[in-house]
Protein backbone atom coordinates (compact mmCIF):
# COMPACT_ATOMS: atom_id res chain seq x y z
CA MET A 1 108.48 89.02 83.29
CA LEU A 2 106.04 91.86 83.87
CA SER A 3 103.27 91.58 86.42
CA ARG A 4 99.69 92.00 85.26
CA SER A 5 99.51 95.60 86.52
CA GLN A 6 102.85 96.50 84.92
CA GLU A 7 101.81 95.06 81.56
CA LYS A 8 98.45 96.82 81.72
CA LEU A 9 100.17 100.16 82.35
CA LEU A 10 102.68 99.64 79.57
CA ARG A 11 100.01 98.72 77.02
CA TYR A 12 98.00 101.77 78.03
CA LEU A 13 100.97 104.13 77.57
CA GLY A 14 101.74 102.37 74.30
CA GLY A 15 98.50 103.77 72.94
CA PHE A 16 99.92 107.31 72.91
CA PRO A 17 102.18 108.61 70.09
CA ASP A 18 105.96 108.92 70.57
CA ALA A 19 105.78 112.63 69.74
CA LEU A 20 103.95 113.21 73.02
CA SER A 21 107.20 112.64 74.94
CA GLN A 22 108.55 115.91 73.49
CA ALA A 23 105.37 117.96 73.75
CA TRP A 24 105.09 120.93 76.08
CA ASP A 25 101.36 120.44 76.63
CA VAL A 26 100.22 116.88 77.36
CA PRO A 27 96.80 115.36 78.16
CA ARG A 28 95.77 114.49 81.68
CA GLU A 29 95.60 110.82 80.63
CA VAL A 30 99.40 110.42 80.99
CA SER A 31 99.59 112.08 84.42
CA LEU A 32 99.25 110.09 87.64
CA PRO A 33 95.53 110.90 88.10
CA GLY A 34 94.81 109.93 84.49
CA LEU A 35 96.71 106.66 84.86
CA SER A 36 94.86 105.95 88.09
CA ASP A 37 91.50 106.42 86.37
CA ALA A 38 92.49 104.23 83.44
CA MET A 39 93.91 101.43 85.61
CA GLY A 40 91.12 101.48 88.18
CA VAL A 41 93.40 101.73 91.22
CA VAL A 42 94.15 104.46 93.75
CA ARG A 43 97.06 106.82 93.04
CA SER A 44 99.37 105.16 95.56
CA GLY A 45 98.64 101.77 94.02
CA LEU A 46 100.56 102.82 90.89
CA ASN A 47 103.84 103.62 92.63
CA GLN A 48 105.17 100.06 92.53
CA PRO A 49 104.33 99.18 88.90
CA LEU A 50 105.54 102.59 87.69
CA LYS A 51 108.85 102.17 89.52
CA ALA A 52 109.34 98.69 88.04
CA LEU A 53 108.71 99.96 84.51
CA LEU A 54 111.04 102.91 85.07
CA ASP A 55 113.78 100.62 86.40
CA ALA A 56 113.39 98.42 83.31
CA ALA A 57 113.61 101.54 81.08
CA TYR A 58 110.26 100.65 79.49
CA ILE A 59 108.83 104.06 80.41
CA SER A 60 110.21 107.50 81.21
CA VAL A 61 108.99 110.28 83.48
CA ARG A 62 109.32 114.05 83.16
CA VAL A 63 107.50 117.20 84.20
CA ALA A 64 105.26 118.99 81.71
CA HIS A 65 102.21 121.20 81.54
CA VAL A 66 99.06 119.08 81.79
CA ILE A 67 96.23 120.49 79.68
CA GLY A 68 93.52 121.76 81.98
CA GLY A 69 95.63 121.05 85.05
CA GLY A 70 96.64 124.57 86.03
CA ALA A 71 99.87 126.47 85.42
CA ARG A 72 102.12 124.23 87.51
CA ARG A 73 103.90 121.47 85.67
CA ARG A 74 103.26 117.90 86.81
CA GLN A 75 104.88 114.51 86.38
CA VAL A 76 103.86 112.66 83.24
CA TYR A 77 104.82 109.25 81.87
CA HIS A 78 105.72 108.03 78.38
CA ILE A 79 106.59 104.70 76.82
CA THR A 80 110.19 104.33 75.60
CA GLU A 81 111.62 102.58 72.55
CA SER A 82 112.46 99.61 74.79
CA GLY A 83 108.89 99.56 76.01
CA ARG A 84 107.52 99.49 72.48
CA ARG A 85 109.94 96.70 71.62
CA TRP A 86 108.57 94.68 74.54
CA LEU A 87 105.03 95.22 73.30
CA HIS A 88 106.03 94.12 69.81
CA GLU A 89 107.59 90.95 71.21
CA HIS A 90 104.55 90.25 73.39
CA PRO A 91 101.48 90.99 71.24
CA GLU A 92 98.20 91.20 73.09
CA GLU A 93 95.62 88.55 72.31
CA ALA A 94 93.12 90.02 69.89
CA THR A 95 89.74 90.94 71.35
CA LYS A 96 86.58 92.11 69.71
CA ALA A 97 86.56 95.89 69.64
CA SER A 98 83.42 97.87 70.26
CA THR A 99 82.21 100.15 67.49
CA ALA A 100 80.20 102.26 69.90
CA THR A 101 80.63 105.97 70.29
CA ALA A 102 79.56 107.58 73.51
CA SER A 103 79.09 111.25 72.70
CA LYS A 104 79.95 113.56 75.57
CA ALA A 105 80.77 110.63 77.85
CA PRO A 106 83.21 111.49 80.66
CA PRO A 107 86.74 110.03 80.48
CA THR A 108 86.89 106.25 80.69
CA THR A 109 87.63 104.72 84.08
CA ALA A 110 88.49 101.05 84.49
CA LEU A 111 85.63 98.98 85.86
CA VAL A 112 86.30 96.77 88.86
CA GLY A 113 83.91 93.83 89.18
CA ARG A 114 80.25 94.64 88.40
CA GLN A 115 79.87 91.93 85.73
CA ALA A 116 76.52 90.83 87.17
CA GLU A 117 75.35 94.45 87.21
CA LEU A 118 76.32 94.93 83.57
CA GLU A 119 74.26 91.89 82.63
CA THR A 120 71.31 93.07 84.73
CA LEU A 121 71.42 96.48 83.06
CA THR A 122 71.40 94.90 79.61
CA ASN A 123 68.44 92.71 80.58
CA LEU A 124 66.47 95.65 81.97
CA LEU A 125 67.02 97.62 78.80
CA GLU A 126 66.03 94.71 76.58
CA LYS A 127 62.87 94.07 78.61
CA HIS A 128 61.66 97.65 79.18
CA GLY A 129 63.55 99.84 76.70
CA HIS A 130 64.55 102.12 79.57
CA ALA A 131 66.24 101.75 82.96
CA LEU A 132 67.68 103.67 85.91
CA VAL A 133 71.02 103.02 87.62
CA GLY A 134 70.61 104.41 91.14
CA GLY A 135 72.64 104.43 94.31
CA LEU A 136 74.64 106.47 96.79
CA SER A 137 77.05 109.25 95.81
CA GLY A 138 80.45 107.91 94.83
CA VAL A 139 79.31 104.30 94.51
CA GLY A 140 80.20 104.03 90.80
CA LYS A 141 77.02 104.75 88.83
CA THR A 142 78.75 106.81 86.14
CA THR A 143 81.61 104.31 85.90
CA LEU A 144 79.14 101.46 85.33
CA LEU A 145 77.24 103.39 82.67
CA ARG A 146 80.45 104.31 80.86
CA ALA A 147 81.64 100.71 80.95
CA TRP A 148 78.29 99.50 79.61
CA ALA A 149 78.39 102.10 76.81
CA THR A 150 81.87 101.09 75.64
CA ARG A 151 80.74 97.47 75.32
CA GLN A 152 77.94 98.27 72.89
CA GLU A 153 78.16 97.87 69.13
CA THR A 154 75.61 100.59 68.48
CA ASP A 155 75.83 104.34 68.98
CA VAL A 156 75.46 105.52 72.57
CA ARG A 157 74.90 109.23 73.16
CA TRP A 158 75.66 110.80 76.51
CA ALA A 159 74.35 113.80 78.44
CA THR A 160 75.15 114.84 82.01
CA VAL A 161 72.75 116.98 84.02
CA ASP A 162 73.94 119.92 86.10
CA GLN A 163 71.99 122.29 88.33
CA LEU A 164 71.09 124.58 85.41
CA SER A 165 70.28 121.98 82.73
CA ASP A 166 67.04 121.91 80.78
CA ALA A 167 65.77 119.74 77.91
CA VAL A 168 67.60 121.88 75.35
CA ALA A 169 70.89 121.35 77.20
CA LEU A 170 70.44 117.57 77.08
CA VAL A 171 69.71 117.53 73.35
CA ALA A 172 72.72 119.78 72.72
CA GLN A 173 74.97 117.27 74.47
CA TRP A 174 73.48 114.29 72.62
CA THR A 175 74.11 116.03 69.28
CA ASN A 176 77.47 117.56 70.29
CA GLY A 177 75.97 121.01 69.77
CA ALA A 178 76.45 120.69 66.01
CA GLU A 179 73.23 122.53 65.08
CA PRO A 180 70.81 124.97 66.73
CA ILE A 181 68.43 123.09 69.03
CA PRO A 182 64.68 123.71 68.61
CA GLU A 183 62.83 124.68 71.79
CA ASP A 184 59.60 122.83 71.00
CA LEU A 185 59.60 119.36 72.55
CA GLU A 186 58.14 117.61 69.50
CA ALA A 187 60.71 119.34 67.30
CA MET A 188 63.48 118.18 69.66
CA VAL A 189 62.33 114.58 69.28
CA GLU A 190 62.28 114.99 65.49
CA HIS A 191 65.75 116.52 65.65
CA LEU A 192 67.12 113.46 67.46
CA ASP A 193 65.11 111.06 65.33
CA VAL A 194 66.92 111.94 62.10
CA SER A 195 69.65 109.35 62.64
CA GLY A 196 67.17 106.66 63.72
CA PRO A 197 66.76 104.89 67.09
CA THR A 198 69.80 104.90 69.36
CA VAL A 199 70.74 104.57 73.04
CA LEU A 200 70.61 107.82 75.01
CA VAL A 201 72.14 108.23 78.47
CA VAL A 202 71.19 110.90 81.01
CA ASP A 203 73.62 110.88 83.94
CA ASP A 204 72.98 112.66 87.26
CA VAL A 205 69.25 112.82 86.51
CA HIS A 206 68.56 113.61 90.18
CA ARG A 207 70.02 117.07 89.52
CA VAL A 208 67.26 118.12 87.11
CA ASP A 209 65.79 121.22 88.74
CA PRO A 210 62.06 121.08 89.59
CA ARG A 211 61.55 123.91 87.10
CA HIS A 212 62.56 121.60 84.23
CA GLN A 213 61.55 118.14 85.47
CA SER A 214 58.28 118.05 83.57
CA THR A 215 59.73 119.11 80.21
CA VAL A 216 62.73 116.78 80.55
CA ALA A 217 60.42 113.86 81.44
CA ASP A 218 58.16 114.70 78.47
CA LEU A 219 61.20 114.72 76.19
CA LEU A 220 62.29 111.29 77.43
CA ASP A 221 58.76 109.90 77.01
CA GLY A 222 58.64 111.24 73.46
CA LEU A 223 61.96 109.59 72.62
CA LEU A 224 60.82 106.27 74.08
CA GLY A 225 57.74 106.48 71.90
CA ARG A 226 59.98 106.76 68.83
CA GLY A 227 61.90 103.60 69.67
CA HIS A 228 64.96 105.11 71.32
CA ARG A 229 66.32 103.29 74.35
CA LEU A 230 67.19 105.36 77.41
CA LEU A 231 69.40 104.88 80.45
CA LEU A 232 69.37 107.17 83.47
CA GLY A 233 71.90 107.42 86.27
CA GLY A 234 71.30 109.22 89.54
CA ARG A 235 71.47 109.37 93.30
CA LEU A 236 68.40 107.91 94.97
CA PRO A 237 65.70 108.96 95.42
CA VAL A 238 65.09 110.46 91.99
CA PRO A 239 62.02 112.57 91.05
CA ASP A 240 58.91 110.47 90.52
CA ARG A 241 58.81 110.76 86.74
CA PHE A 242 62.31 109.28 86.50
CA ASP A 243 61.44 106.34 88.75
CA TRP A 244 62.11 103.76 86.04
CA PRO A 245 62.97 100.03 86.23
CA LEU A 246 65.82 100.15 88.70
CA LEU A 247 69.27 98.68 88.98
CA ARG A 248 70.19 99.62 92.53
CA LEU A 249 73.98 99.82 92.69
CA GLY A 250 75.51 98.93 96.03
CA THR A 251 79.09 99.05 97.23
CA LEU A 252 81.65 96.51 96.04
CA PRO A 253 82.27 93.16 97.73
CA ALA A 254 85.44 93.35 99.84
CA GLU A 255 87.42 91.05 97.52
CA GLU A 256 86.69 93.23 94.48
CA ALA A 257 87.05 96.50 96.37
CA ALA A 258 90.50 95.45 97.58
CA THR A 259 91.81 95.46 93.99
CA LEU A 260 91.30 99.24 93.89
CA LEU A 261 94.14 99.60 96.39
CA GLY A 262 96.81 98.16 94.09
CA GLU A 263 99.51 95.57 94.63
CA HIS A 264 101.81 97.58 96.91
CA LEU A 265 99.75 96.51 99.95
CA ASP A 266 99.60 92.89 101.04
CA GLU A 267 96.33 91.04 100.49
CA VAL A 268 95.32 90.98 104.16
CA THR A 269 95.78 94.75 104.51
CA ARG A 270 93.86 95.43 101.32
CA LEU A 271 90.94 93.33 102.54
CA ASP A 272 90.97 95.00 105.95
CA VAL A 273 90.82 98.46 104.37
CA ALA A 274 88.13 97.41 101.89
CA LYS A 275 85.97 95.99 104.69
CA ALA A 276 86.48 99.03 106.93
CA LEU A 277 85.36 101.32 104.10
CA ASP A 278 82.47 99.01 103.24
CA GLY A 279 83.66 98.60 99.65
CA HIS A 280 82.74 102.22 98.84
CA PRO A 281 84.70 103.13 95.66
CA MET A 282 85.01 106.86 96.37
CA ALA A 283 86.14 106.32 99.96
CA LEU A 284 88.72 103.79 98.73
CA ASN A 285 90.03 106.29 96.18
CA LEU A 286 90.51 108.83 98.97
CA TYR A 287 92.33 106.36 101.21
CA ARG A 288 96.07 106.81 101.74
CA GLU A 289 98.35 104.56 103.74
CA GLY A 290 98.28 105.60 107.37
CA ASP A 291 94.79 107.09 107.29
CA PRO A 292 92.77 106.08 110.36
CA LEU A 293 90.04 103.67 109.33
CA PRO A 294 86.46 104.05 110.58
CA GLU A 295 85.09 101.68 113.18
CA ALA A 296 82.79 98.93 111.94
CA GLY A 297 79.41 100.39 111.04
CA ALA A 298 80.65 103.99 111.06
CA ASP A 299 79.34 106.45 108.47
CA ILE A 300 81.48 106.66 105.30
CA GLN A 301 80.65 110.36 105.19
CA ALA A 302 82.52 110.83 108.46
CA PHE A 303 85.61 109.16 106.98
CA VAL A 304 85.41 111.43 103.94
CA GLU A 305 85.13 114.50 106.16
CA GLN A 306 88.15 113.44 108.21
CA THR A 307 90.44 112.54 105.30
CA MET A 308 89.61 114.74 102.32
CA LEU A 309 91.28 117.88 103.70
CA ASP A 310 94.22 116.18 105.39
CA GLY A 311 97.48 117.54 103.98
CA LEU A 312 95.91 119.98 101.51
CA SER A 313 97.76 123.26 101.14
CA ASP A 314 95.89 126.44 102.10
CA ASP A 315 95.74 127.50 98.45
CA ALA A 316 94.30 124.16 97.37
CA LEU A 317 91.70 124.33 100.14
CA GLU A 318 90.65 127.78 98.96
CA SER A 319 90.33 126.44 95.43
CA LEU A 320 88.27 123.49 96.67
CA ASP A 321 85.88 125.78 98.51
CA ASP A 322 85.46 127.95 95.41
CA MET A 323 84.57 124.87 93.38
CA VAL A 324 82.04 123.62 95.94
CA LEU A 325 79.70 126.36 94.71
CA PHE A 326 79.92 125.45 91.01
CA PRO A 327 76.40 124.93 89.59
CA ARG A 328 77.95 123.17 86.58
CA PRO A 329 81.38 121.80 85.51
CA LEU A 330 83.67 124.57 84.27
CA PRO A 331 86.89 124.81 82.21
CA SER A 332 89.83 124.68 84.60
CA ASP A 333 91.67 127.48 82.81
CA GLU A 334 88.77 129.90 83.41
CA ILE A 335 88.03 129.30 87.08
CA ARG A 336 89.43 131.14 90.05
CA GLY A 337 92.24 129.18 91.71
CA GLY A 338 92.79 126.97 88.68
CA ASP A 339 96.54 126.85 89.34
CA HIS A 340 95.86 124.48 92.25
CA ILE A 341 93.79 122.00 90.24
CA GLY A 342 96.75 119.62 90.12
CA GLU A 343 96.92 119.18 93.88
CA LEU A 344 93.20 118.48 94.12
CA ASP A 345 93.39 116.07 91.19
CA GLU A 346 96.25 114.15 92.80
CA ARG A 347 93.99 113.60 95.81
CA ALA A 348 91.09 112.24 93.70
CA LEU A 349 88.81 115.10 94.75
CA LEU A 350 87.78 116.12 91.24
CA ARG A 351 85.47 114.82 88.54
CA TRP A 352 86.24 115.56 84.89
CA SER A 353 83.83 115.85 81.97
CA THR A 354 84.23 115.08 78.28
CA ASN A 355 87.84 114.95 77.10
CA ASN A 356 88.82 116.52 80.44
CA GLU A 357 87.42 119.81 79.15
CA ALA A 358 85.65 120.84 82.35
CA VAL A 359 85.95 119.97 86.02
CA GLU A 360 83.95 119.99 89.23
CA VAL A 361 84.34 118.61 92.74
CA GLN A 362 83.36 114.96 93.19
CA HIS A 363 79.73 115.08 94.29
CA LEU A 364 80.25 113.24 97.56
CA ILE A 365 83.15 115.56 98.40
CA ARG A 366 81.11 118.62 97.46
CA ASN A 367 78.14 117.56 99.57
CA VAL A 368 80.28 116.81 102.62
CA ARG A 369 82.42 119.95 102.34
CA ARG A 370 79.41 122.21 101.90
CA THR A 371 77.95 121.06 105.21
CA MET A 372 81.22 122.17 106.85
CA LEU A 373 80.89 125.79 105.65
CA ASP A 374 78.93 128.31 107.72
CA GLU A 375 76.74 131.04 106.24
CA GLY A 376 79.44 133.70 106.52
CA ARG A 377 81.94 131.56 104.61
CA LEU A 378 79.37 130.72 101.91
CA LEU A 379 78.53 134.41 101.40
CA ALA A 380 82.23 135.26 101.14
CA LEU A 381 82.70 132.56 98.51
CA HIS A 382 79.69 133.81 96.53
CA ARG A 383 81.13 137.34 96.67
CA ARG A 384 84.50 136.12 95.44
CA ALA A 385 82.88 134.15 92.62
CA ALA A 386 80.68 137.08 91.56
CA ASP A 387 83.74 139.35 91.37
CA HIS A 388 85.60 136.75 89.32
CA TRP A 389 82.84 136.19 86.74
CA GLU A 390 82.16 139.91 86.45
CA ALA A 391 85.33 140.06 84.32
CA HIS A 392 83.81 137.50 81.91
CA LEU A 393 80.40 139.02 81.16
CA ALA A 394 80.97 138.93 77.39
CA THR A 395 80.51 135.15 77.49
CA PRO A 396 76.84 134.27 78.16
CA ALA A 397 77.64 131.07 80.09
CA TYR A 398 79.84 133.05 82.49
CA ALA A 399 77.47 136.04 82.66
CA VAL A 400 74.86 133.61 83.99
CA LEU A 401 77.31 132.46 86.67
CA HIS A 402 77.84 136.08 87.70
CA LEU A 403 74.08 136.46 88.08
CA TYR A 404 73.82 133.15 89.95
CA HIS A 405 76.30 134.31 92.60
CA ARG A 406 74.98 137.90 92.81
CA LEU A 407 71.48 136.66 93.53
CA ALA A 408 72.86 134.43 96.28
CA LEU A 409 74.21 137.56 97.97
CA GLU A 410 70.70 139.10 98.09
CA GLU A 411 72.06 142.56 97.30
CA GLU A 412 70.38 145.56 95.73
CA GLY A 413 71.13 146.61 92.17
CA LEU A 414 69.52 143.77 90.25
CA GLU A 415 68.25 146.20 87.59
CA GLU A 416 71.78 147.40 86.81
CA ILE A 417 72.99 143.82 86.37
CA LEU A 418 70.14 142.48 84.25
CA ALA A 419 68.94 145.33 82.07
CA PRO A 420 71.93 145.45 79.70
CA GLN A 421 72.14 141.70 79.07
CA PHE A 422 68.82 140.02 79.87
CA ASP A 423 67.62 139.60 76.27
CA ARG A 424 71.02 138.27 75.17
CA LEU A 425 71.13 135.73 77.99
CA MET A 426 67.59 134.53 77.32
CA VAL A 427 68.65 133.42 73.83
CA ASP A 428 71.68 131.40 74.91
CA GLN A 429 71.02 130.61 78.58
CA GLY A 430 67.24 130.65 78.93
CA GLY A 431 67.03 127.34 80.78
CA ALA A 432 69.68 128.39 83.28
CA LEU A 433 67.96 131.75 83.88
CA ALA A 434 64.67 129.96 84.56
CA VAL A 435 66.31 127.86 87.30
CA ILE A 436 68.13 130.82 88.84
CA PHE A 437 65.04 133.02 89.02
CA ASP A 438 62.78 130.19 90.19
CA ARG A 439 65.07 129.52 93.14
CA ALA A 440 65.51 133.22 93.91
CA THR A 441 61.77 133.96 93.96
CA GLN A 442 61.18 130.99 96.28
CA GLN A 443 63.80 132.31 98.69
CA ARG A 444 62.61 135.93 98.44
CA PRO A 445 58.89 135.84 97.63
CA GLU A 446 58.43 139.45 98.78
CA ASP A 447 60.93 140.87 96.25
CA GLU A 448 58.77 142.52 93.57
CA GLN A 449 61.72 143.41 91.33
CA LEU A 450 62.81 139.80 91.30
CA HIS A 451 59.31 138.67 90.30
CA TYR A 452 59.33 141.24 87.50
CA TRP A 453 62.45 139.79 85.94
CA ALA A 454 61.36 136.22 86.53
CA GLY A 455 58.14 136.90 84.62
CA ARG A 456 59.80 138.34 81.53
C-alpha cells in the first residue's frame, strides 16, 4: 500500500513518456528540484517517498543532463513498467480538468492550503474586474496566482515584469510574441482585443520601473475598459496606480506550513519548525535538518542570510553573486557560471520562468544577498558581467545587458559602445534602453554625454 505522498509522486512521474528514461537530455521536471516544486514539499521531504518507490521497483533513478541545468549531469527519476502496472491497477478517480491555458506562466508548483485565498481572489475579480495579490517576498504570491489560473475554464494569459519591462514587453508575453507589437497604447489594446475578453495576469508588478509606470497603467486601464479582467501580483507597497482591490497574502498557518517539510520528520518537529519560521514558504523551502532555527519573533531575513550560503561550494557562490545582478531572467546556458546552476537549484535558491527557459535568483534571496555585498564587490561583478556579455553583442537582448553593466561601472568610452548599435537596439530593446538611461542620468546628472544619448 502506497502512502499518499508516494502515490502522488508515482502518478506525477507516470505523466512522462517511457522514452524519456533513455533520453540524454531530460526536463528539469523529473529532477529533484522539479519534483519538489510539483509535490509542494522541500527537497529533503522527498527522500523517504522516493526511496520507498525505488525499493518497490516502481521508479528508477539515473544521472542525465538536465535541460537548462548546466553541464553537470544530475539525478533524474523515471517510472518503471511495474510502476505503470500499479497505476493501471489503481486508476485515479476522475476529476474535472481545467481547459485554461496560462500563456507564459512559470512552471506549476503545488499549492499548500490557501483555499480561502483562492475564493477571495475569485470574489474580488467578480466584483471589481481587477485585483492585486500583495505580500512579502517569498510568501507565495506567484504560486497562488498560478494555482488560480490552472483552475479556470477560460483562457488566462500571463506576463512577468522585470527591471527592464515596458508595456510592449507585457503585450509580447501575453501574445507569446507571435506578431510584431504596436507601440501605440490604443493599438496595443486593439491587438489584444482581437480574441475577445480574457483574463490577463501581471506578476511582479512592483518591478515596473518609474519610467514606464504611467504607460503600463494606461495600458491596463484601457484593457479594463474593453472588458478584460486583470490580476496583478507584487510585493507591497506597489506604485499608486496599481493599488487595486487587495488580497493581502500572509504566511501560512503552522499546520499547513508543516506539510511543506514532508513526511520524513515527525509531526511535532514539523510544527516546531513551521512555527519558528512563522509559516514563511520560502524560508521553509530553504530549511534543512540541523539548521539552527530563529528565536521567536526573530526576522526571517536573518534566517535566510544565515542559511542560504551554508555548504555552497565556492564556484556556486560565485555563480550566485553573478546572478544577483540580473535585471531580468536569463537562459541558463548563456550566463556566466551556468555549470553551477544545478547546485543552486538543489538548494531552492532559484526561480524559473516559462518552461524552465530562463532563470534568476529567488527575489528574497537576491535582496538579502545584495545587502551583503560591498561596493567593491558589486563593481567587480559588474565588470565581470560586462566582459561576459561583450562576447554576445550580436544579440540585442544581450547587447543591452552589456550596456547595463558598463553604465554601472561609470567608465569613459560611452560613445564607442553606443554609436555602432544604438539605432539597432532602439528597435528591439527600446523600453530597456529607456530604463537604463533614466537610471544612469539620475545617478550622474552632470554627465552631458549621457544626457545626449538619453535624449535620442
